[in-house]
Amino acid sequence: MNNTKLLTSKDQELISMFAEDEVTFWANKWGVTKETVKSAVKFSGSNSVSKVYTYLVNSNKVRLS
């Protein structure tokens, strides 16, 4: 997420697990640890922001906002 102007809308819907700053961004946004985000990507089977968020809500890791 170093240069958000170059991101397409598709890129903004996915969490890049190779960009540590992106994992940190979503962890801070959802109030969880980076390890929780990484685990949620693994167990949800997707790096889609909406699918990871849904997994976190369903597993009671984060409350609906």
C-alpha atoms as a PDB file:
ATOM      1  CA  MET A   1       0.000   0.000   0.000  1.00  0.00           C
ATOM      2  CA  ASN A   2       2.938   2.284  -0.479  1.00  0.00           C
ATOM      3  CA  ASN A   3       1.383   4.048  -3.467  1.00  0.00           C
ATOM      4  CA  THR A   4      -2.399   3.806  -3.251  1.00  0.00           C
ATOM      5  CA  LYS A   5      -2.864   5.891  -6.407  1.00  0.00           C
ATOM      6  CA  LEU A   6      -1.574   2.951  -8.458  1.00  0.00           C
ATOM      7  CA  LEU A   7      -3.953   0.426  -6.902  1.00  0.00           C
ATOM      8  CA  THR A   8      -6.917  -0.765  -8.894  1.00  0.00           C
ATOM      9  CA  SER A   9     -10.269  -1.341  -7.207  1.00  0.00           C
ATOM     10  CA  LYS A  10      -9.521  -5.078  -7.371  1.00  0.00           C
ATOM     11  CA  ASP A  11      -6.256  -4.526  -5.470  1.00  0.00           C
ATOM     12  CA  GLN A  12      -8.088  -2.612  -2.763  1.00  0.00           C
ATOM     13  CA  GLU A  13     -10.395  -5.581  -2.196  1.00  0.00           C
ATOM     14  CA  LEU A  14      -7.472  -7.913  -1.415  1.00  0.00           C
ATOM     15  CA  ILE A  15      -4.999  -8.047   1.448  1.00  0.00           C
ATOM     16  CA  SER A  16      -1.450  -8.498   0.187  1.00  0.00           C
ATOM     17  CA  MET A  17       0.179 -10.908   2.588  1.00  0.00           C
ATOM     18  CA  PHE A  18       3.576  -9.948   1.142  1.00  0.00           C
ATOM     19  CA  ALA A  19       3.205  -6.295   2.181  1.00  0.00           C
ATOM     20  CA  GLU A  20       3.714  -6.101   5.942  1.00  0.00           C
ATOM     21  CA  ASP A  21       2.358  -2.539   6.043  1.00  0.00           C
ATOM     22  CA  GLU A  22      -0.887  -3.747   4.505  1.00  0.00           C
ATOM     23  CA  VAL A  23      -1.290  -6.528   7.085  1.00  0.00           C
ATOM     24  CA  THR A  24      -0.563  -3.944   9.791  1.00  0.00           C
ATOM     25  CA  PHE A  25      -3.159  -1.569   8.321  1.00  0.00           C
ATOM     26  CA  TRP A  26      -5.953  -4.176   8.439  1.00  0.00           C
ATOM     27  CA  ALA A  27      -4.901  -5.404  11.887  1.00  0.00           C
ATOM     28  CA  ASN A  28      -5.113  -1.859  13.243  1.00  0.00           C
ATOM     29  CA  LYS A  29      -8.388  -1.168  11.437  1.00  0.00           C
ATOM     30  CA  TRP A  30     -10.028  -4.270  12.904  1.00  0.00           C
ATOM     31  CA  GLY A  31      -8.345  -4.036  16.324  1.00  0.00           C
ATOM     32  CA  VAL A  32      -6.584  -7.396  16.071  1.00  0.00           C
ATOM     33  CA  THR A  33      -2.979  -8.562  15.795  1.00  0.00           C
ATOM     34  CA  LYS A  34      -1.137  -9.095  12.528  1.00  0.00           C
ATOM     35  CA  GLU A  35      -0.981 -12.778  13.406  1.00  0.00           C
ATOM     36  CA  THR A  36      -4.783 -12.828  13.686  1.00  0.00           C
ATOM     37  CA  VAL A  37      -5.111 -11.322  10.208  1.00  0.00           C
ATOM     38  CA  LYS A  38      -2.640 -13.850   8.796  1.00  0.00           C
ATOM     39  CA  SER A  39      -4.487 -16.686  10.501  1.00  0.00           C
ATOM     40  CA  ALA A  40      -7.842 -15.407   9.219  1.00  0.00           C
ATOM     41  CA  VAL A  41      -6.518 -15.341   5.648  1.00  0.00           C
ATOM     42  CA  LYS A  42      -5.315 -18.918   6.061  1.00  0.00           C
ATOM     43  CA  PHE A  43      -8.509 -20.273   7.618  1.00  0.00           C
ATOM     44  CA  SER A  44     -10.907 -18.310   5.417  1.00  0.00           C
ATOM     45  CA  GLY A  45      -9.058 -19.588   2.363  1.00  0.00           C
ATOM     46  CA  SER A  46      -8.985 -16.113   0.844  1.00  0.00           C
ATOM     47  CA  ASN A  47      -7.205 -12.778   1.051  1.00  0.00           C
ATOM     48  CA  SER A  48     -10.393 -10.928   0.152  1.00  0.00           C
ATOM     49  CA  VAL A  49     -11.009  -8.115   2.644  1.00  0.00           C
ATOM     50  CA  SER A  50     -14.704  -8.975   2.934  1.00  0.00           C
ATOM     51  CA  LYS A  51     -14.112 -12.713   3.400  1.00  0.00           C
ATOM     52  CA  VAL A  52     -11.391 -12.185   5.999  1.00  0.00           C
ATOM     53  CA  TYR A  53     -13.573  -9.687   7.867  1.00  0.00           C
ATOM     54  CA  THR A  54     -16.531 -12.090   7.764  1.00  0.00           C
ATOM     55  CA  TYR A  55     -14.324 -14.868   9.119  1.00  0.00           C
ATOM     56  CA  LEU A  56     -13.123 -12.628  11.963  1.00  0.00           C
ATOM     57  CA  VAL A  57     -16.690 -11.625  12.867  1.00  0.00           C
ATOM     58  CA  ASN A  58     -17.963 -15.210  12.736  1.00  0.00           C
ATOM     59  CA  SER A  59     -15.069 -16.413  14.900  1.00  0.00           C
ATOM     60  CA  ASN A  60     -15.720 -13.606  17.418  1.00  0.00           C
ATOM     61  CA  LYS A  61     -12.300 -12.035  16.858  1.00  0.00           C
ATOM     62  CA  VAL A  62     -13.804  -8.664  15.947  1.00  0.00           C
ATOM     63  CA  ARG A  63     -17.179  -7.044  16.507  1.00  0.00           C
ATOM     64  CA  LEU A  64     -19.297  -5.613  13.719  1.00  0.00           C
ATOM     65  CA  SER A  65     -18.565  -1.954  13.133  1.00  0.00           C
END
